[in-house]
Amino acid sequence: WTLQTGDDGETYHFPAGFVLMSDGEVRVHTSPGATSSSAGDIVWPTAQAIGAETEKVSLVDADGNAVSSFEYEAITS
């Protein structure tokens, strides 16, 4: 399983042995210097933080099928 961004094609591969139950959730921290202190969170060191611009992220299975997608709106100040 992977997470993939639509525009620039960055891909995050879930680590071997990672299990997410059907009703579970995981928080994914993104950016070049991303860190997390919460157990069970995932760090994806992307070129820039997801959400810095409008972007779609898809959860993709081993066969390349997008199982779920979410579009983030650009963060504005």
PDB file of N, CA and C in Angstrom:
ATOM      1  N   TRP A   1       0.840  -1.185   0.000  1.00  0.00           N
ATOM      2  CA  TRP A   1       0.000   0.000   0.000  1.00  0.00           C
ATOM      3  C   TRP A   1       0.878   1.239   0.000  1.00  0.00           C
ATOM      4  N   THR A   2       0.401   2.264  -0.707  1.00  0.00           N
ATOM      5  CA  THR A   2       1.139   3.518  -0.766  1.00  0.00           C
ATOM      6  C   THR A   2       0.184   4.697  -0.663  1.00  0.00           C
ATOM      7  N   LEU A   3       0.753   5.852  -0.345  1.00  0.00           N
ATOM      8  CA  LEU A   3       0.064   7.131  -0.492  1.00  0.00           C
ATOM      9  C   LEU A   3       0.748   7.822  -1.652  1.00  0.00           C
ATOM     10  N   GLN A   4      -0.041   8.406  -2.556  1.00  0.00           N
ATOM     11  CA  GLN A   4       0.533   9.092  -3.707  1.00  0.00           C
ATOM     12  C   GLN A   4      -0.114  10.452  -3.877  1.00  0.00           C
ATOM     13  N   THR A   5       0.715  11.448  -4.191  1.00  0.00           N
ATOM     14  CA  THR A   5       0.182  12.769  -4.499  1.00  0.00           C
ATOM     15  C   THR A   5      -0.094  12.831  -5.990  1.00  0.00           C
ATOM     16  N   GLY A   6      -1.118  13.574  -6.352  1.00  0.00           N
ATOM     17  CA  GLY A   6      -1.540  13.625  -7.746  1.00  0.00           C
ATOM     18  C   GLY A   6      -0.658  14.454  -8.645  1.00  0.00           C
ATOM     19  N   ASP A   7      -0.212  15.614  -8.179  1.00  0.00           N
ATOM     20  CA  ASP A   7       0.481  16.542  -9.063  1.00  0.00           C
ATOM     21  C   ASP A   7       1.941  16.191  -9.305  1.00  0.00           C
ATOM     22  N   ASP A   8       2.687  15.964  -8.248  1.00  0.00           N
ATOM     23  CA  ASP A   8       4.119  15.735  -8.420  1.00  0.00           C
ATOM     24  C   ASP A   8       4.514  14.275  -8.309  1.00  0.00           C
ATOM     25  N   GLY A   9       3.561  13.410  -8.023  1.00  0.00           N
ATOM     26  CA  GLY A   9       3.817  11.983  -8.010  1.00  0.00           C
ATOM     27  C   GLY A   9       4.663  11.472  -6.863  1.00  0.00           C
ATOM     28  N   GLU A  10       4.770  12.239  -5.772  1.00  0.00           N
ATOM     29  CA  GLU A  10       5.513  11.726  -4.619  1.00  0.00           C
ATOM     30  C   GLU A  10       4.777  10.512  -4.064  1.00  0.00           C
ATOM     31  N   THR A  11       5.529   9.513  -3.615  1.00  0.00           N
ATOM     32  CA  THR A  11       4.938   8.271  -3.128  1.00  0.00           C
ATOM     33  C   THR A  11       5.505   7.921  -1.762  1.00  0.00           C
ATOM     34  N   TYR A  12       4.612   7.541  -0.848  1.00  0.00           N
ATOM     35  CA  TYR A  12       5.013   7.040   0.463  1.00  0.00           C
ATOM     36  C   TYR A  12       4.649   5.562   0.515  1.00  0.00           C
ATOM     37  N   HIS A  13       5.616   4.707   0.824  1.00  0.00           N
ATOM     38  CA  HIS A  13       5.377   3.269   0.973  1.00  0.00           C
ATOM     39  C   HIS A  13       5.231   2.965   2.460  1.00  0.00           C
ATOM     40  N   PHE A  14       4.109   2.381   2.841  1.00  0.00           N
ATOM     41  CA  PHE A  14       3.921   2.020   4.243  1.00  0.00           C
ATOM     42  C   PHE A  14       4.972   0.990   4.635  1.00  0.00           C
ATOM     43  N   PRO A  15       5.489   1.070   5.860  1.00  0.00           N
ATOM     44  CA  PRO A  15       6.547   0.145   6.279  1.00  0.00           C
ATOM     45  C   PRO A  15       6.045  -1.295   6.370  1.00  0.00           C
ATOM     46  N   ALA A  16       6.960  -2.232   6.176  1.00  0.00           N
ATOM     47  CA  ALA A  16       6.628  -3.652   6.306  1.00  0.00           C
ATOM     48  C   ALA A  16       6.040  -3.899   7.687  1.00  0.00           C
ATOM     49  N   GLY A  17       4.980  -4.672   7.747  1.00  0.00           N
ATOM     50  CA  GLY A  17       4.352  -5.004   9.015  1.00  0.00           C
ATOM     51  C   GLY A  17       3.340  -3.988   9.506  1.00  0.00           C
ATOM     52  N   PHE A  18       3.190  -2.862   8.788  1.00  0.00           N
ATOM     53  CA  PHE A  18       2.215  -1.849   9.201  1.00  0.00           C
ATOM     54  C   PHE A  18       0.809  -2.400   8.997  1.00  0.00           C
ATOM     55  N   VAL A  19      -0.027  -2.307  10.035  1.00  0.00           N
ATOM     56  CA  VAL A  19      -1.412  -2.779   9.956  1.00  0.00           C
ATOM     57  C   VAL A  19      -2.334  -1.649  10.380  1.00  0.00           C
ATOM     58  N   LEU A  20      -3.334  -1.389   9.563  1.00  0.00           N
ATOM     59  CA  LEU A  20      -4.359  -0.404   9.886  1.00  0.00           C
ATOM     60  C   LEU A  20      -5.698  -1.117   9.804  1.00  0.00           C
ATOM     61  N   MET A  21      -6.384  -1.210  10.929  1.00  0.00           N
ATOM     62  CA  MET A  21      -7.674  -1.892  10.971  1.00  0.00           C
ATOM     63  C   MET A  21      -8.694  -1.108  10.137  1.00  0.00           C
ATOM     64  N   SER A  22      -9.751  -1.777   9.689  1.00  0.00           N
ATOM     65  CA  SER A  22     -10.735  -1.152   8.803  1.00  0.00           C
ATOM     66  C   SER A  22     -11.388   0.073   9.423  1.00  0.00           C
ATOM     67  N   ASP A  23     -11.508   0.128  10.733  1.00  0.00           N
ATOM     68  CA  ASP A  23     -12.109   1.302  11.376  1.00  0.00           C
ATOM     69  C   ASP A  23     -11.043   2.179  12.036  1.00  0.00           C
ATOM     70  N   GLY A  24      -9.782   1.919  11.718  1.00  0.00           N
ATOM     71  CA  GLY A  24      -8.677   2.655  12.330  1.00  0.00           C
ATOM     72  C   GLY A  24      -8.331   3.924  11.576  1.00  0.00           C
ATOM     73  N   GLU A  25      -7.387   4.642  12.116  1.00  0.00           N
ATOM     74  CA  GLU A  25      -6.891   5.847  11.463  1.00  0.00           C
ATOM     75  C   GLU A  25      -5.419   6.019  11.791  1.00  0.00           C
ATOM     76  N   VAL A  26      -4.744   6.768  10.950  1.00  0.00           N
ATOM     77  CA  VAL A  26      -3.336   7.074  11.165  1.00  0.00           C
ATOM     78  C   VAL A  26      -3.117   8.528  10.751  1.00  0.00           C
ATOM     79  N   ARG A  27      -2.296   9.222  11.477  1.00  0.00           N
ATOM     80  CA  ARG A  27      -1.958  10.612  11.143  1.00  0.00           C
ATOM     81  C   ARG A  27      -0.627  10.585  10.399  1.00  0.00           C
ATOM     82  N   VAL A  28      -0.587  11.265   9.251  1.00  0.00           N
ATOM     83  CA  VAL A  28       0.616  11.314   8.428  1.00  0.00           C
ATOM     84  C   VAL A  28       1.160  12.739   8.448  1.00  0.00           C
ATOM     85  N   HIS A  29       2.394  12.892   8.925  1.00  0.00           N
ATOM     86  CA  HIS A  29       3.046  14.199   8.993  1.00  0.00           C
ATOM     87  C   HIS A  29       3.906  14.372   7.746  1.00  0.00           C
ATOM     88  N   THR A  30       3.717  15.487   7.034  1.00  0.00           N
ATOM     89  CA  THR A  30       4.457  15.709   5.790  1.00  0.00           C
ATOM     90  C   THR A  30       5.220  17.022   5.816  1.00  0.00           C
ATOM     91  N   SER A  31       6.348  17.034   5.175  1.00  0.00           N
ATOM     92  CA  SER A  31       7.196  18.198   4.899  1.00  0.00           C
ATOM     93  C   SER A  31       8.638  17.709   4.912  1.00  0.00           C
ATOM     94  N   PRO A  32       9.570  18.520   4.427  1.00  0.00           N
ATOM     95  CA  PRO A  32      10.967  18.069   4.413  1.00  0.00           C
ATOM     96  C   PRO A  32      11.514  17.720   5.799  1.00  0.00           C
ATOM     97  N   GLY A  33      11.114  18.445   6.830  1.00  0.00           N
ATOM     98  CA  GLY A  33      11.632  18.198   8.178  1.00  0.00           C
ATOM     99  C   GLY A  33      10.590  17.633   9.117  1.00  0.00           C
ATOM    100  N   ALA A  34       9.614  16.911   8.580  1.00  0.00           N
ATOM    101  CA  ALA A  34       8.507  16.397   9.394  1.00  0.00           C
ATOM    102  C   ALA A  34       9.007  15.491  10.509  1.00  0.00           C
ATOM    103  N   THR A  35       8.396  15.641  11.679  1.00  0.00           N
ATOM    104  CA  THR A  35       8.677  14.781  12.826  1.00  0.00           C
ATOM    105  C   THR A  35       7.360  14.473  13.524  1.00  0.00           C
ATOM    106  N   SER A  36       7.367  13.484  14.371  1.00  0.00           N
ATOM    107  CA  SER A  36       6.191  13.142  15.159  1.00  0.00           C
ATOM    108  C   SER A  36       6.643  12.545  16.474  1.00  0.00           C
ATOM    109  N   SER A  37       5.919  12.884  17.525  1.00  0.00           N
ATOM    110  CA  SER A  37       6.227  12.295  18.825  1.00  0.00           C
ATOM    111  C   SER A  37       5.102  11.383  19.289  1.00  0.00           C
ATOM    112  N   SER A  38       4.087  11.203  18.448  1.00  0.00           N
ATOM    113  CA  SER A  38       2.945  10.367  18.815  1.00  0.00           C
ATOM    114  C   SER A  38       3.125   8.954  18.282  1.00  0.00           C
ATOM    115  N   ALA A  39       2.967   7.977  19.152  1.00  0.00           N
ATOM    116  CA  ALA A  39       3.074   6.579  18.737  1.00  0.00           C
ATOM    117  C   ALA A  39       2.016   6.283  17.687  1.00  0.00           C
ATOM    118  N   GLY A  40       2.392   5.574  16.650  1.00  0.00           N
ATOM    119  CA  GLY A  40       1.455   5.197  15.610  1.00  0.00           C
ATOM    120  C   GLY A  40       1.346   6.197  14.478  1.00  0.00           C
ATOM    121  N   ASP A  41       1.880   7.405  14.652  1.00  0.00           N
ATOM    122  CA  ASP A  41       1.882   8.376  13.568  1.00  0.00           C
ATOM    123  C   ASP A  41       2.965   8.006  12.558  1.00  0.00           C
ATOM    124  N   ILE A  42       2.801   8.494  11.339  1.00  0.00           N
ATOM    125  CA  ILE A  42       3.749   8.219  10.264  1.00  0.00           C
ATOM    126  C   ILE A  42       4.380   9.528   9.822  1.00  0.00           C
ATOM    127  N   VAL A  43       5.661   9.491   9.497  1.00  0.00           N
ATOM    128  CA  VAL A  43       6.363  10.660   8.973  1.00  0.00           C
ATOM    129  C   VAL A  43       6.695  10.394   7.506  1.00  0.00           C
ATOM    130  N   TRP A  44       6.245  11.305   6.630  1.00  0.00           N
ATOM    131  CA  TRP A  44       6.500  11.222   5.194  1.00  0.00           C
ATOM    132  C   TRP A  44       7.281  12.467   4.809  1.00  0.00           C
ATOM    133  N   PRO A  45       8.597  12.390   4.670  1.00  0.00           N
ATOM    134  CA  PRO A  45       9.395  13.578   4.373  1.00  0.00           C
ATOM    135  C   PRO A  45       9.257  14.012   2.911  1.00  0.00           C
ATOM    136  N   THR A  46       8.180  14.738   2.608  1.00  0.00           N
ATOM    137  CA  THR A  46       7.913  15.218   1.255  1.00  0.00           C
ATOM    138  C   THR A  46       8.716  16.475   0.951  1.00  0.00           C
ATOM    139  N   ALA A  47       8.773  16.847  -0.327  1.00  0.00           N
ATOM    140  CA  ALA A  47       9.496  18.051  -0.746  1.00  0.00           C
ATOM    141  C   ALA A  47       8.897  19.299  -0.116  1.00  0.00           C
ATOM    142  N   GLN A  48       7.580  19.315   0.051  1.00  0.00           N
ATOM    143  CA  GLN A  48       6.901  20.396   0.767  1.00  0.00           C
ATOM    144  C   GLN A  48       5.711  19.788   1.483  1.00  0.00           C
ATOM    145  N   ALA A  49       5.180  20.489   2.455  1.00  0.00           N
ATOM    146  CA  ALA A  49       4.056  19.959   3.229  1.00  0.00           C
ATOM    147  C   ALA A  49       2.845  19.751   2.326  1.00  0.00           C
ATOM    148  N   ILE A  50       2.172  18.622   2.484  1.00  0.00           N
ATOM    149  CA  ILE A  50       0.917  18.394   1.776  1.00  0.00           C
ATOM    150  C   ILE A  50      -0.066  19.441   2.283  1.00  0.00           C
ATOM    151  N   GLY A  51      -0.747  20.093   1.380  1.00  0.00           N
ATOM    152  CA  GLY A  51      -1.684  21.141   1.757  1.00  0.00           C
ATOM    153  C   GLY A  51      -1.109  22.535   1.572  1.00  0.00           C
ATOM    154  N   ALA A  52       0.184  22.620   1.219  1.00  0.00           N
ATOM    155  CA  ALA A  52       0.776  23.929   0.940  1.00  0.00           C
ATOM    156  C   ALA A  52       0.161  24.509  -0.330  1.00  0.00           C
ATOM    157  N   GLU A  53      -0.354  23.630  -1.174  1.00  0.00           N
ATOM    158  CA  GLU A  53      -1.116  24.019  -2.356  1.00  0.00           C
ATOM    159  C   GLU A  53      -2.219  22.988  -2.532  1.00  0.00           C
ATOM    160  N   THR A  54      -3.247  23.307  -3.325  1.00  0.00           N
ATOM    161  CA  THR A  54      -4.326  22.345  -3.529  1.00  0.00           C
ATOM    162  C   THR A  54      -3.732  21.076  -4.127  1.00  0.00           C
ATOM    163  N   GLU A  55      -4.039  19.947  -3.511  1.00  0.00           N
ATOM    164  CA  GLU A  55      -3.399  18.702  -3.907  1.00  0.00           C
ATOM    165  C   GLU A  55      -4.275  17.515  -3.518  1.00  0.00           C
ATOM    166  N   LYS A  56      -4.271  16.490  -4.350  1.00  0.00           N
ATOM    167  CA  LYS A  56      -5.006  15.266  -4.056  1.00  0.00           C
ATOM    168  C   LYS A  56      -4.018  14.192  -3.620  1.00  0.00           C
ATOM    169  N   VAL A  57      -4.375  13.478  -2.551  1.00  0.00           N
ATOM    170  CA  VAL A  57      -3.574  12.360  -2.065  1.00  0.00           C
ATOM    171  C   VAL A  57      -4.446  11.115  -2.139  1.00  0.00           C
ATOM    172  N   SER A  58      -3.886  10.043  -2.688  1.00  0.00           N
ATOM    173  CA  SER A  58      -4.640   8.802  -2.847  1.00  0.00           C
ATOM    174  C   SER A  58      -3.974   7.663  -2.092  1.00  0.00           C
ATOM    175  N   LEU A  59      -4.807   6.807  -1.509  1.00  0.00           N
ATOM    176  CA  LEU A  59      -4.361   5.557  -0.908  1.00  0.00           C
ATOM    177  C   LEU A  59      -4.466   4.513  -2.010  1.00  0.00           C
ATOM    178  N   VAL A  60      -3.335   3.887  -2.353  1.00  0.00           N
ATOM    179  CA  VAL A  60      -3.265   2.991  -3.507  1.00  0.00           C
ATOM    180  C   VAL A  60      -2.878   1.590  -3.051  1.00  0.00           C
ATOM    181  N   ASP A  61      -3.615   0.582  -3.545  1.00  0.00           N
ATOM    182  CA  ASP A  61      -3.323  -0.798  -3.157  1.00  0.00           C
ATOM    183  C   ASP A  61      -2.181  -1.375  -3.992  1.00  0.00           C
ATOM    184  N   ALA A  62      -1.818  -2.624  -3.714  1.00  0.00           N
ATOM    185  CA  ALA A  62      -0.681  -3.265  -4.374  1.00  0.00           C
ATOM    186  C   ALA A  62      -0.881  -3.432  -5.877  1.00  0.00           C
ATOM    187  N   ASP A  63      -2.141  -3.410  -6.341  1.00  0.00           N
ATOM    188  CA  ASP A  63      -2.432  -3.546  -7.768  1.00  0.00           C
ATOM    189  C   ASP A  63      -2.494  -2.202  -8.485  1.00  0.00           C
ATOM    190  N   GLY A  64      -2.235  -1.111  -7.765  1.00  0.00           N
ATOM    191  CA  GLY A  64      -2.249   0.214  -8.375  1.00  0.00           C
ATOM    192  C   GLY A  64      -3.607   0.886  -8.410  1.00  0.00           C
ATOM    193  N   ASN A  65      -4.579   0.317  -7.680  1.00  0.00           N
ATOM    194  CA  ASN A  65      -5.923   0.897  -7.641  1.00  0.00           C
ATOM    195  C   ASN A  65      -6.033   1.923  -6.524  1.00  0.00           C
ATOM    196  N   ALA A  66      -6.553   3.102  -6.845  1.00  0.00           N
ATOM    197  CA  ALA A  66      -6.800   4.117  -5.820  1.00  0.00           C
ATOM    198  C   ALA A  66      -8.028   3.685  -5.028  1.00  0.00           C
ATOM    199  N   VAL A  67      -7.833   3.346  -3.767  1.00  0.00           N
ATOM    200  CA  VAL A  67      -8.899   2.855  -2.901  1.00  0.00           C
ATOM    201  C   VAL A  67      -9.636   4.012  -2.244  1.00  0.00           C
ATOM    202  N   SER A  68      -8.907   5.072  -1.949  1.00  0.00           N
ATOM    203  CA  SER A  68      -9.493   6.248  -1.319  1.00  0.00           C
ATOM    204  C   SER A  68      -8.650   7.460  -1.700  1.00  0.00           C
ATOM    205  N   SER A  69      -9.307   8.612  -1.827  1.00  0.00           N
ATOM    206  CA  SER A  69      -8.594   9.845  -2.161  1.00  0.00           C
ATOM    207  C   SER A  69      -9.150  10.996  -1.345  1.00  0.00           C
ATOM    208  N   PHE A  70      -8.305  11.989  -1.127  1.00  0.00           N
ATOM    209  CA  PHE A  70      -8.724  13.194  -0.424  1.00  0.00           C
ATOM    210  C   PHE A  70      -8.014  14.372  -1.063  1.00  0.00           C
ATOM    211  N   GLU A  71      -8.770  15.443  -1.332  1.00  0.00           N
ATOM    212  CA  GLU A  71      -8.153  16.636  -1.900  1.00  0.00           C
ATOM    213  C   GLU A  71      -8.028  17.704  -0.831  1.00  0.00           C
ATOM    214  N   TYR A  72      -6.802  18.159  -0.639  1.00  0.00           N
ATOM    215  CA  TYR A  72      -6.516  19.224   0.318  1.00  0.00           C
ATOM    216  C   TYR A  72      -6.597  20.556  -0.401  1.00  0.00           C
ATOM    217  N   GLU A  73      -7.233  21.525   0.221  1.00  0.00           N
ATOM    218  CA  GLU A  73      -7.248  22.883  -0.311  1.00  0.00           C
ATOM    219  C   GLU A  73      -5.973  23.582   0.138  1.00  0.00           C
ATOM    220  N   ALA A  74      -5.496  24.502  -0.679  1.00  0.00           N
ATOM    221  CA  ALA A  74      -4.277  25.240  -0.353  1.00  0.00           C
ATOM    222  C   ALA A  74      -4.446  25.987   0.963  1.00  0.00           C
ATOM    223  N   ILE A  75      -3.404  25.970   1.770  1.00  0.00           N
ATOM    224  CA  ILE A  75      -3.397  26.704   3.030  1.00  0.00           C
ATOM    225  C   ILE A  75      -3.138  28.171   2.708  1.00  0.00           C
ATOM    226  N   THR A  76      -4.040  29.027   3.147  1.00  0.00           N
ATOM    227  CA  THR A  76      -3.851  30.461   2.914  1.00  0.00           C
ATOM    228  C   THR A  76      -3.752  31.174   4.248  1.00  0.00           C
ATOM    229  N   SER A  77      -3.044  32.276   4.247  1.00  0.00           N
ATOM    230  CA  SER A  77      -2.896  33.008   5.510  1.00  0.00           C
ATOM    231  C   SER A  77      -3.669  34.301   5.481  1.00  0.00           C
TER     232      SER A  77
END
